[in-house]
Structure formats: C-alpha cells, structure tokens
Amino acid sequence: GLLPVRDRCGEADLFGRVLQATRIGVADEIAAAASLVIGEGA
C-alpha cells in the first residue's frame, strides 16, 4: 500500500538548492515509530 522509499530528489531545500541524493526510507521510519508502542518484551 505504500512506496517504502520516498524519493525527494529534485525538490528544493529551504535555501532553494535542489536535493540531489535525498531518499527517505519511509517504511523503516514508520516501523521504528510503531516499535515504541509494540515493544520488545512483555
């Protein structure tokens, strides 16, 4: 249901510079956020 990597290359940063290599591992970021609730123990 989602693209696991969000490609932001070609977008501009705060100073108008074009992003050249910014790809966000969004699926991993979401999984990491959820793990704060899911936990590792009991």
Full PDB file with SEQRES, HELIX, SHEET, SSBOND, CRYST1, ORIGX, SCALE, CONECT and MASTER records, all heavy atoms in Angstrom:
SEQRES   1 A   42  GLY LEU LEU PRO VAL ARG ASP ARG CYS GLY GLU ALA ASP          
SEQRES   2 A   42  LEU PHE GLY ARG VAL LEU GLN ALA THR ARG ILE GLY VAL          
SEQRES   3 A   42  ALA ASP GLU ILE ALA ALA ALA ALA SER LEU VAL ILE GLY          
SEQRES   4 A   42  GLU GLY ALA                                                  
HELIX    1 AA1 VAL A   26  ILE A   38  1                                  13    
SHEET    1 AA1 2 ARG A   6  ASP A   7  0                                        
SHEET    2 AA1 2 ARG A  23  ILE A  24 -1                                        
CRYST1    1.000    1.000    1.000  90.00  90.00  90.00 P 1           1          
ORIGX1      1.000000  0.000000  0.000000        0.00000                         
ORIGX2      0.000000  1.000000  0.000000        0.00000                         
ORIGX3      0.000000  0.000000  1.000000        0.00000                         
SCALE1      1.000000  0.000000  0.000000        0.00000                         
SCALE2      0.000000  1.000000  0.000000        0.00000                         
SCALE3      0.000000  0.000000  1.000000        0.00000                         
ATOM      1  N   GLY A   1       0.773  -1.233   0.000  1.00  0.00           N  
ATOM      2  CA  GLY A   1       0.000   0.000   0.000  1.00  0.00           C  
ATOM      3  C   GLY A   1       0.799   1.275   0.000  1.00  0.00           C  
ATOM      4  O   GLY A   1       0.213   2.358  -0.088  1.00  0.00           O  
ATOM      5  N   LEU A   2       2.128   1.179   0.074  1.00  0.00           N  
ATOM      6  CA  LEU A   2       2.949   2.387   0.057  1.00  0.00           C  
ATOM      7  C   LEU A   2       4.270   2.113  -0.637  1.00  0.00           C  
ATOM      8  O   LEU A   2       4.727   0.969  -0.704  1.00  0.00           O  
ATOM      9  CB  LEU A   2       3.209   2.908   1.471  1.00  0.00           C  
ATOM     10  CG  LEU A   2       4.293   2.228   2.332  1.00  0.00           C  
ATOM     11  CD1 LEU A   2       4.611   3.095   3.531  1.00  0.00           C  
ATOM     12  CD2 LEU A   2       3.915   0.836   2.771  1.00  0.00           C  
ATOM     13  N   LEU A   3       4.879   3.181  -1.159  1.00  0.00           N  
ATOM     14  CA  LEU A   3       6.243   3.098  -1.645  1.00  0.00           C  
ATOM     15  C   LEU A   3       7.158   3.166  -0.431  1.00  0.00           C  
ATOM     16  O   LEU A   3       7.103   4.136   0.331  1.00  0.00           O  
ATOM     17  CB  LEU A   3       6.552   4.252  -2.593  1.00  0.00           C  
ATOM     18  CG  LEU A   3       5.878   4.216  -3.975  1.00  0.00           C  
ATOM     19  CD1 LEU A   3       6.182   5.503  -4.732  1.00  0.00           C  
ATOM     20  CD2 LEU A   3       6.336   3.001  -4.774  1.00  0.00           C  
ATOM     21  N   PRO A   4       8.008   2.159  -0.205  1.00  0.00           N  
ATOM     22  CA  PRO A   4       8.805   2.144   1.017  1.00  0.00           C  
ATOM     23  C   PRO A   4       9.898   3.201   1.052  1.00  0.00           C  
ATOM     24  O   PRO A   4      10.388   3.556   2.120  1.00  0.00           O  
ATOM     25  CB  PRO A   4       9.390   0.739   1.039  1.00  0.00           C  
ATOM     26  CG  PRO A   4       9.440   0.323  -0.384  1.00  0.00           C  
ATOM     27  CD  PRO A   4       8.232   0.951  -1.020  1.00  0.00           C  
ATOM     28  N   VAL A   5      10.290   3.693  -0.118  1.00  0.00           N  
ATOM     29  CA  VAL A   5      11.291   4.758  -0.211  1.00  0.00           C  
ATOM     30  C   VAL A   5      10.625   5.966  -0.857  1.00  0.00           C  
ATOM     31  O   VAL A   5       9.990   5.845  -1.910  1.00  0.00           O  
ATOM     32  CB  VAL A   5      12.513   4.321  -1.032  1.00  0.00           C  
ATOM     33  CG1 VAL A   5      13.510   5.472  -1.173  1.00  0.00           C  
ATOM     34  CG2 VAL A   5      13.188   3.114  -0.387  1.00  0.00           C  
ATOM     35  N   ARG A   6      10.782   7.123  -0.228  1.00  0.00           N  
ATOM     36  CA  ARG A   6      10.211   8.354  -0.774  1.00  0.00           C  
ATOM     37  C   ARG A   6      11.339   9.171  -1.389  1.00  0.00           C  
ATOM     38  O   ARG A   6      12.211   9.692  -0.693  1.00  0.00           O  
ATOM     39  CB  ARG A   6       9.506   9.146   0.330  1.00  0.00           C  
ATOM     40  CG  ARG A   6       8.721  10.334  -0.193  1.00  0.00           C  
ATOM     41  CD  ARG A   6       7.744  10.829   0.869  1.00  0.00           C  
ATOM     42  NE  ARG A   6       6.995  11.956   0.356  1.00  0.00           N  
ATOM     43  CZ  ARG A   6       7.042  13.190   0.859  1.00  0.00           C  
ATOM     44  NH1 ARG A   6       7.786  13.437   1.921  1.00  0.00           N  
ATOM     45  NH2 ARG A   6       6.340  14.164   0.328  1.00  0.00           N  
ATOM     46  N   ASP A   7      11.332   9.273  -2.702  1.00  0.00           N  
ATOM     47  CA  ASP A   7      12.397   9.964  -3.436  1.00  0.00           C  
ATOM     48  C   ASP A   7      12.100  11.456  -3.493  1.00  0.00           C  
ATOM     49  O   ASP A   7      11.109  11.887  -4.092  1.00  0.00           O  
ATOM     50  CB  ASP A   7      12.483   9.382  -4.846  1.00  0.00           C  
ATOM     51  CG  ASP A   7      13.723   9.866  -5.599  1.00  0.00           C  
ATOM     52  OD1 ASP A   7      14.364  10.834  -5.134  1.00  0.00           O  
ATOM     53  OD2 ASP A   7      14.040   9.271  -6.642  1.00  0.00           O  
ATOM     54  N   ARG A   8      12.965  12.255  -2.874  1.00  0.00           N  
ATOM     55  CA  ARG A   8      12.769  13.706  -2.856  1.00  0.00           C  
ATOM     56  C   ARG A   8      13.789  14.434  -3.727  1.00  0.00           C  
ATOM     57  O   ARG A   8      13.880  15.667  -3.680  1.00  0.00           O  
ATOM     58  CB  ARG A   8      12.821  14.219  -1.414  1.00  0.00           C  
ATOM     59  CG  ARG A   8      11.778  13.551  -0.523  1.00  0.00           C  
ATOM     60  CD  ARG A   8      11.549  14.305   0.752  1.00  0.00           C  
ATOM     61  NE  ARG A   8      10.966  15.613   0.509  1.00  0.00           N  
ATOM     62  CZ  ARG A   8      10.710  16.507   1.472  1.00  0.00           C  
ATOM     63  NH1 ARG A   8      10.976  16.204   2.736  1.00  0.00           N  
ATOM     64  NH2 ARG A   8      10.203  17.681   1.169  1.00  0.00           N  
ATOM     65  N   CYS A   9      14.549  13.655  -4.493  1.00  0.00           N  
ATOM     66  CA  CYS A   9      15.495  14.279  -5.411  1.00  0.00           C  
ATOM     67  C   CYS A   9      14.751  15.186  -6.387  1.00  0.00           C  
ATOM     68  O   CYS A   9      13.697  14.836  -6.910  1.00  0.00           O  
ATOM     69  CB  CYS A   9      16.272  13.218  -6.191  1.00  0.00           C  
ATOM     70  SG  CYS A   9      17.335  12.196  -5.153  1.00  0.00           S  
ATOM     71  N   GLY A  10      15.315  16.368  -6.620  1.00  0.00           N  
ATOM     72  CA  GLY A  10      14.679  17.333  -7.498  1.00  0.00           C  
ATOM     73  C   GLY A  10      13.859  18.379  -6.766  1.00  0.00           C  
ATOM     74  O   GLY A  10      13.524  19.421  -7.339  1.00  0.00           O  
ATOM     75  N   GLU A  11      13.521  18.110  -5.494  1.00  0.00           N  
ATOM     76  CA  GLU A  11      12.830  19.112  -4.695  1.00  0.00           C  
ATOM     77  C   GLU A  11      13.840  20.146  -4.187  1.00  0.00           C  
ATOM     78  O   GLU A  11      15.042  19.903  -4.174  1.00  0.00           O  
ATOM     79  CB  GLU A  11      12.104  18.460  -3.522  1.00  0.00           C  
ATOM     80  CG  GLU A  11      11.029  17.472  -3.925  1.00  0.00           C  
ATOM     81  CD  GLU A  11      10.328  16.869  -2.720  1.00  0.00           C  
ATOM     82  OE1 GLU A  11      10.310  17.533  -1.652  1.00  0.00           O  
ATOM     83  OE2 GLU A  11       9.818  15.742  -2.833  1.00  0.00           O  
ATOM     84  N   ALA A  12      13.332  21.285  -3.762  1.00  0.00           N  
ATOM     85  CA  ALA A  12      14.204  22.343  -3.256  1.00  0.00           C  
ATOM     86  C   ALA A  12      14.251  22.315  -1.737  1.00  0.00           C  
ATOM     87  O   ALA A  12      13.261  21.988  -1.072  1.00  0.00           O  
ATOM     88  CB  ALA A  12      13.707  23.705  -3.733  1.00  0.00           C  
ATOM     89  N   ASP A  13      15.429  22.663  -1.173  1.00  0.00           N  
ATOM     90  CA  ASP A  13      15.524  22.796   0.278  1.00  0.00           C  
ATOM     91  C   ASP A  13      15.110  24.214   0.688  1.00  0.00           C  
ATOM     92  O   ASP A  13      14.615  24.996  -0.140  1.00  0.00           O  
ATOM     93  CB  ASP A  13      16.941  22.435   0.765  1.00  0.00           C  
ATOM     94  CG  ASP A  13      18.011  23.445   0.347  1.00  0.00           C  
ATOM     95  OD1 ASP A  13      17.667  24.525  -0.195  1.00  0.00           O  
ATOM     96  OD2 ASP A  13      19.204  23.165   0.570  1.00  0.00           O  
ATOM     97  N   LEU A  14      15.332  24.574   1.960  1.00  0.00           N  
ATOM     98  CA  LEU A  14      14.905  25.878   2.460  1.00  0.00           C  
ATOM     99  C   LEU A  14      15.587  27.044   1.747  1.00  0.00           C  
ATOM    100  O   LEU A  14      15.070  28.176   1.734  1.00  0.00           O  
ATOM    101  CB  LEU A  14      15.197  25.972   3.966  1.00  0.00           C  
ATOM    102  CG  LEU A  14      14.291  25.140   4.885  1.00  0.00           C  
ATOM    103  CD1 LEU A  14      14.827  25.162   6.301  1.00  0.00           C  
ATOM    104  CD2 LEU A  14      12.859  25.664   4.836  1.00  0.00           C  
ATOM    105  N   PHE A  15      16.758  26.779   1.166  1.00  0.00           N  
ATOM    106  CA  PHE A  15      17.505  27.841   0.505  1.00  0.00           C  
ATOM    107  C   PHE A  15      17.408  27.758  -1.016  1.00  0.00           C  
ATOM    108  O   PHE A  15      18.159  28.434  -1.725  1.00  0.00           O  
ATOM    109  CB  PHE A  15      18.974  27.786   0.953  1.00  0.00           C  
ATOM    110  CG  PHE A  15      19.157  28.025   2.421  1.00  0.00           C  
ATOM    111  CD1 PHE A  15      19.197  26.965   3.308  1.00  0.00           C  
ATOM    112  CD2 PHE A  15      19.237  29.319   2.934  1.00  0.00           C  
ATOM    113  CE1 PHE A  15      19.346  27.174   4.663  1.00  0.00           C  
ATOM    114  CE2 PHE A  15      19.384  29.540   4.291  1.00  0.00           C  
ATOM    115  CZ  PHE A  15      19.435  28.473   5.169  1.00  0.00           C  
ATOM    116  N   GLY A  16      16.500  26.919  -1.489  1.00  0.00           N  
ATOM    117  CA  GLY A  16      16.280  26.829  -2.921  1.00  0.00           C  
ATOM    118  C   GLY A  16      17.234  25.894  -3.640  1.00  0.00           C  
ATOM    119  O   GLY A  16      17.148  25.771  -4.874  1.00  0.00           O  
ATOM    120  N   ARG A  17      18.142  25.248  -2.910  1.00  0.00           N  
ATOM    121  CA  ARG A  17      19.042  24.295  -3.562  1.00  0.00           C  
ATOM    122  C   ARG A  17      18.298  23.004  -3.863  1.00  0.00           C  
ATOM    123  O   ARG A  17      17.488  22.540  -3.064  1.00  0.00           O  
ATOM    124  CB  ARG A  17      20.257  24.020  -2.672  1.00  0.00           C  
ATOM    125  CG  ARG A  17      21.223  25.202  -2.551  1.00  0.00           C  
ATOM    126  CD  ARG A  17      22.495  24.806  -1.817  1.00  0.00           C  
ATOM    127  NE  ARG A  17      22.247  24.561  -0.405  1.00  0.00           N  
ATOM    128  CZ  ARG A  17      22.391  25.482   0.547  1.00  0.00           C  
ATOM    129  NH1 ARG A  17      22.807  26.705   0.230  1.00  0.00           N  
ATOM    130  NH2 ARG A  17      22.147  25.194   1.807  1.00  0.00           N  
ATOM    131  N   VAL A  18      18.602  22.425  -5.006  1.00  0.00           N  
ATOM    132  CA  VAL A  18      17.911  21.215  -5.438  1.00  0.00           C  
ATOM    133  C   VAL A  18      18.518  19.999  -4.738  1.00  0.00           C  
ATOM    134  O   VAL A  18      19.742  19.816  -4.729  1.00  0.00           O  
ATOM    135  CB  VAL A  18      18.003  21.050  -6.967  1.00  0.00           C  
ATOM    136  CG1 VAL A  18      17.367  19.732  -7.404  1.00  0.00           C  
ATOM    137  CG2 VAL A  18      17.321  22.225  -7.665  1.00  0.00           C  
ATOM    138  N   LEU A  19      17.659  19.193  -4.131  1.00  0.00           N  
ATOM    139  CA  LEU A  19      18.119  17.977  -3.462  1.00  0.00           C  
ATOM    140  C   LEU A  19      18.637  16.992  -4.497  1.00  0.00           C  
ATOM    141  O   LEU A  19      17.965  16.704  -5.486  1.00  0.00           O  
ATOM    142  CB  LEU A  19      16.984  17.354  -2.655  1.00  0.00           C  
ATOM    143  CG  LEU A  19      16.377  18.239  -1.555  1.00  0.00           C  
ATOM    144  CD1 LEU A  19      15.188  17.546  -0.906  1.00  0.00           C  
ATOM    145  CD2 LEU A  19      17.418  18.592  -0.504  1.00  0.00           C  
ATOM    146  N   GLN A  20      19.829  16.451  -4.253  1.00  0.00           N  
ATOM    147  CA  GLN A  20      20.478  15.575  -5.226  1.00  0.00           C  
ATOM    148  C   GLN A  20      20.431  14.097  -4.833  1.00  0.00           C  
ATOM    149  O   GLN A  20      20.475  13.232  -5.711  1.00  0.00           O  
ATOM    150  CB  GLN A  20      21.951  15.983  -5.391  1.00  0.00           C  
ATOM    151  CG  GLN A  20      22.148  17.417  -5.850  1.00  0.00           C  
ATOM    152  CD  GLN A  20      21.670  17.638  -7.277  1.00  0.00           C  
ATOM    153  OE1 GLN A  20      21.800  16.769  -8.135  1.00  0.00           O  
ATOM    154  NE2 GLN A  20      21.114  18.816  -7.527  1.00  0.00           N  
ATOM    155  N   ALA A  21      20.380  13.787  -3.557  1.00  0.00           N  
ATOM    156  CA  ALA A  21      20.510  12.389  -3.130  1.00  0.00           C  
ATOM    157  C   ALA A  21      19.630  12.064  -1.930  1.00  0.00           C  
ATOM    158  O   ALA A  21      19.951  11.176  -1.144  1.00  0.00           O  
ATOM    159  CB  ALA A  21      21.970  12.084  -2.799  1.00  0.00           C  
ATOM    160  N   THR A  22      18.508  12.756  -1.793  1.00  0.00           N  
ATOM    161  CA  THR A  22      17.667  12.578  -0.618  1.00  0.00           C  
ATOM    162  C   THR A  22      16.554  11.592  -0.901  1.00  0.00           C  
ATOM    163  O   THR A  22      15.587  11.897  -1.603  1.00  0.00           O  
ATOM    164  CB  THR A  22      17.071  13.930  -0.164  1.00  0.00           C  
ATOM    165  OG1 THR A  22      18.136  14.857   0.073  1.00  0.00           O  
ATOM    166  CG2 THR A  22      16.254  13.760   1.103  1.00  0.00           C  
ATOM    167  N   ARG A  23      16.727  10.407  -0.374  1.00  0.00           N  
ATOM    168  CA  ARG A  23      15.704   9.369  -0.473  1.00  0.00           C  
ATOM    169  C   ARG A  23      15.390   8.897   0.946  1.00  0.00           C  
ATOM    170  O   ARG A  23      16.288   8.489   1.662  1.00  0.00           O  
ATOM    171  CB  ARG A  23      16.180   8.217  -1.357  1.00  0.00           C  
ATOM    172  CG  ARG A  23      16.377   8.628  -2.812  1.00  0.00           C  
ATOM    173  CD  ARG A  23      16.940   7.493  -3.651  1.00  0.00           C  
ATOM    174  NE  ARG A  23      17.072   7.886  -5.045  1.00  0.00           N  
ATOM    175  CZ  ARG A  23      18.126   8.525  -5.559  1.00  0.00           C  
ATOM    176  NH1 ARG A  23      19.149   8.830  -4.756  1.00  0.00           N  
ATOM    177  NH2 ARG A  23      18.154   8.857  -6.826  1.00  0.00           N  
ATOM    178  N   ILE A  24      14.139   8.965   1.331  1.00  0.00           N  
ATOM    179  CA  ILE A  24      13.724   8.688   2.701  1.00  0.00           C  
ATOM    180  C   ILE A  24      13.231   7.245   2.803  1.00  0.00           C  
ATOM    181  O   ILE A  24      12.345   6.832   2.049  1.00  0.00           O  
ATOM    182  CB  ILE A  24      12.588   9.640   3.140  1.00  0.00           C  
ATOM    183  CG1 ILE A  24      12.941  11.098   2.811  1.00  0.00           C  
ATOM    184  CG2 ILE A  24      12.295   9.456   4.619  1.00  0.00           C  
ATOM    185  CD1 ILE A  24      14.176  11.606   3.475  1.00  0.00           C  
ATOM    186  N   GLY A  25      13.779   6.480   3.722  1.00  0.00           N  
ATOM    187  CA  GLY A  25      13.294   5.120   3.983  1.00  0.00           C  
ATOM    188  C   GLY A  25      12.045   5.175   4.837  1.00  0.00           C  
ATOM    189  O   GLY A  25      12.047   4.783   6.008  1.00  0.00           O  
ATOM    190  N   VAL A  26      10.955   5.636   4.229  1.00  0.00           N  
ATOM    191  CA  VAL A  26       9.754   5.967   4.987  1.00  0.00           C  
ATOM    192  C   VAL A  26       9.155   4.738   5.674  1.00  0.00           C  
ATOM    193  O   VAL A  26       8.653   4.837   6.803  1.00  0.00           O  
ATOM    194  CB  VAL A  26       8.720   6.682   4.082  1.00  0.00           C  
ATOM    195  CG1 VAL A  26       8.257   5.787   2.953  1.00  0.00           C  
ATOM    196  CG2 VAL A  26       7.538   7.174   4.886  1.00  0.00           C  
ATOM    197  N   ALA A  27       9.209   3.575   5.032  1.00  0.00           N  
ATOM    198  CA  ALA A  27       8.650   2.375   5.674  1.00  0.00           C  
ATOM    199  C   ALA A  27       9.424   2.023   6.940  1.00  0.00           C  
ATOM    200  O   ALA A  27       8.831   1.613   7.946  1.00  0.00           O  
ATOM    201  CB  ALA A  27       8.649   1.204   4.697  1.00  0.00           C  
ATOM    202  N   ASP A  28      10.732   2.196   6.912  1.00  0.00           N  
ATOM    203  CA  ASP A  28      11.529   1.947   8.122  1.00  0.00           C  
ATOM    204  C   ASP A  28      11.231   2.985   9.194  1.00  0.00           C  
ATOM    205  O   ASP A  28      11.174   2.663  10.396  1.00  0.00           O  
ATOM    206  CB  ASP A  28      13.019   1.963   7.788  1.00  0.00           C  
ATOM    207  CG  ASP A  28      13.497   0.674   7.144  1.00  0.00           C  
ATOM    208  OD1 ASP A  28      12.773  -0.340   7.200  1.00  0.00           O  
ATOM    209  OD2 ASP A  28      14.607   0.682   6.575  1.00  0.00           O  
ATOM    210  N   GLU A  29      11.062   4.244   8.793  1.00  0.00           N  
ATOM    211  CA  GLU A  29      10.748   5.282   9.778  1.00  0.00           C  
ATOM    212  C   GLU A  29       9.420   4.991  10.475  1.00  0.00           C  
ATOM    213  O   GLU A  29       9.295   5.146  11.695  1.00  0.00           O  
ATOM    214  CB  GLU A  29      10.701   6.651   9.101  1.00  0.00           C  
ATOM    215  CG  GLU A  29      12.063   7.160   8.653  1.00  0.00           C  
ATOM    216  CD  GLU A  29      12.024   8.616   8.214  1.00  0.00           C  
ATOM    217  OE1 GLU A  29      10.981   9.037   7.663  1.00  0.00           O  
ATOM    218  OE2 GLU A  29      13.015   9.323   8.417  1.00  0.00           O  
ATOM    219  N   ILE A  30       8.423   4.553   9.702  1.00  0.00           N  
ATOM    220  CA  ILE A  30       7.114   4.250  10.280  1.00  0.00           C  
ATOM    221  C   ILE A  30       7.214   3.026  11.183  1.00  0.00           C  
ATOM    222  O   ILE A  30       6.635   2.994  12.275  1.00  0.00           O  
ATOM    223  CB  ILE A  30       6.074   4.055   9.162  1.00  0.00           C  
ATOM    224  CG1 ILE A  30       5.844   5.386   8.422  1.00  0.00           C  
ATOM    225  CG2 ILE A  30       4.761   3.536   9.735  1.00  0.00           C  
ATOM    226  CD1 ILE A  30       5.012   5.264   7.169  1.00  0.00           C  
ATOM    227  N   ALA A  31       7.957   2.011  10.743  1.00  0.00           N  
ATOM    228  CA  ALA A  31       8.133   0.814  11.563  1.00  0.00           C  
ATOM    229  C   ALA A  31       8.825   1.157  12.877  1.00  0.00           C  
ATOM    230  O   ALA A  31       8.464   0.629  13.942  1.00  0.00           O  
ATOM    231  CB  ALA A  31       8.933  -0.235  10.797  1.00  0.00           C  
ATOM    232  N   ALA A  32       9.831   2.024  12.823  1.00  0.00           N  
ATOM    233  CA  ALA A  32      10.543   2.420  14.037  1.00  0.00           C  
ATOM    234  C   ALA A  32       9.625   3.168  14.992  1.00  0.00           C  
ATOM    235  O   ALA A  32       9.664   2.947  16.211  1.00  0.00           O  
ATOM    236  CB  ALA A  32      11.756   3.279  13.675  1.00  0.00           C  
ATOM    237  N   ALA A  33       8.779   4.046  14.458  1.00  0.00           N  
ATOM    238  CA  ALA A  33       7.830   4.765  15.317  1.00  0.00           C  
ATOM    239  C   ALA A  33       6.884   3.789  16.000  1.00  0.00           C  
ATOM    240  O   ALA A  33       6.639   3.879  17.211  1.00  0.00           O  
ATOM    241  CB  ALA A  33       7.053   5.785  14.489  1.00  0.00           C  
ATOM    242  N   ALA A  34       6.374   2.833  15.250  1.00  0.00           N  
ATOM    243  CA  ALA A  34       5.429   1.869  15.813  1.00  0.00           C  
ATOM    244  C   ALA A  34       6.079   1.006  16.880  1.00  0.00           C  
ATOM    245  O   ALA A  34       5.420   0.599  17.850  1.00  0.00           O  
ATOM    246  CB  ALA A  34       4.855   0.994  14.703  1.00  0.00           C  
ATOM    247  N   SER A  35       7.382   0.730  16.730  1.00  0.00           N  
ATOM    248  CA  SER A  35       8.056  -0.157  17.691  1.00  0.00           C  
ATOM    249  C   SER A  35       8.113   0.458  19.082  1.00  0.00           C  
ATOM    250  O   SER A  35       8.262  -0.267  20.075  1.00  0.00           O  
ATOM    251  CB  SER A  35       9.466  -0.498  17.201  1.00  0.00           C  
ATOM    252  OG  SER A  35      10.339   0.611  17.305  1.00  0.00           O  
ATOM    253  N   LEU A  36       7.980   1.772  19.199  1.00  0.00           N  
ATOM    254  CA  LEU A  36       7.936   2.403  20.511  1.00  0.00           C  
ATOM    255  C   LEU A  36       6.710   1.958  21.295  1.00  0.00           C  
ATOM    256  O   LEU A  36       6.712   1.980  22.540  1.00  0.00           O  
ATOM    257  CB  LEU A  36       7.945   3.924  20.367  1.00  0.00           C  
ATOM    258  CG  LEU A  36       9.218   4.532  19.774  1.00  0.00           C  
ATOM    259  CD1 LEU A  36       9.009   6.018  19.496  1.00  0.00           C  
ATOM    260  CD2 LEU A  36      10.398   4.321  20.707  1.00  0.00           C  
ATOM    261  N   VAL A  37       5.658   1.568  20.585  1.00  0.00           N  
ATOM    262  CA  VAL A  37       4.436   1.081  21.227  1.00  0.00           C  
ATOM    263  C   VAL A  37       4.400  -0.437  21.264  1.00  0.00           C  
ATOM    264  O   VAL A  37       4.015  -1.043  22.258  1.00  0.00           O  
ATOM    265  CB  VAL A  37       3.194   1.635  20.479  1.00  0.00           C  
ATOM    266  CG1 VAL A  37       1.925   0.889  20.885  1.00  0.00           C  
ATOM    267  CG2 VAL A  37       3.029   3.114  20.759  1.00  0.00           C  
ATOM    268  N   ILE A  38       4.831  -1.075  20.166  1.00  0.00           N  
ATOM    269  CA  ILE A  38       4.793  -2.538  20.097  1.00  0.00           C  
ATOM    270  C   ILE A  38       5.749  -3.147  21.115  1.00  0.00           C  
ATOM    271  O   ILE A  38       5.426  -4.125  21.779  1.00  0.00           O  
ATOM    272  CB  ILE A  38       5.118  -3.013  18.663  1.00  0.00           C  
ATOM    273  CG1 ILE A  38       3.968  -2.633  17.724  1.00  0.00           C  
ATOM    274  CG2 ILE A  38       5.377  -4.506  18.615  1.00  0.00           C  
ATOM    275  CD1 ILE A  38       4.247  -2.900  16.245  1.00  0.00           C  
ATOM    276  N   GLY A  39       6.933  -2.587  21.243  1.00  0.00           N  
ATOM    277  CA  GLY A  39       7.874  -3.031  22.256  1.00  0.00           C  
ATOM    278  C   GLY A  39       8.598  -4.308  21.890  1.00  0.00           C  
ATOM    279  O   GLY A  39       8.434  -4.868  20.807  1.00  0.00           O  
ATOM    280  N   GLU A  40       9.432  -4.785  22.851  1.00  0.00           N  
ATOM    281  CA  GLU A  40      10.287  -5.941  22.611  1.00  0.00           C  
ATOM    282  C   GLU A  40      10.098  -7.049  23.643  1.00  0.00           C  
ATOM    283  O   GLU A  40      10.577  -8.160  23.446  1.00  0.00           O  
ATOM    284  CB  GLU A  40      11.762  -5.507  22.657  1.00  0.00           C  
ATOM    285  CG  GLU A  40      12.159  -4.558  21.556  1.00  0.00           C  
ATOM    286  CD  GLU A  40      12.141  -5.237  20.202  1.00  0.00           C  
ATOM    287  OE1 GLU A  40      12.386  -6.435  20.116  1.00  0.00           O  
ATOM    288  OE2 GLU A  40      11.853  -4.530  19.221  1.00  0.00           O  
ATOM    289  N   GLY A  41       9.432  -6.751  24.732  1.00  0.00           N  
ATOM    290  CA  GLY A  41       9.339  -7.716  25.822  1.00  0.00           C  
ATOM    291  C   GLY A  41       7.942  -8.241  26.024  1.00  0.00           C  
ATOM    292  O   GLY A  41       7.373  -8.916  25.179  1.00  0.00           O  
ATOM    293  N   ALA A  42       7.354  -7.919  27.191  1.00  0.00           N  
ATOM    294  CA  ALA A  42       6.065  -8.482  27.579  1.00  0.00           C  
ATOM    295  C   ALA A  42       4.909  -7.511  27.339  1.00  0.00           C  
ATOM    296  O   ALA A  42       3.850  -7.638  27.959  1.00  0.00           O  
ATOM    297  CB  ALA A  42       6.111  -8.880  29.051  1.00  0.00           C  
TER     298      ALA A  42                                                      
MASTER        0    0    0    1    2    0    0    6  297    1    0    4          
END                                                                             
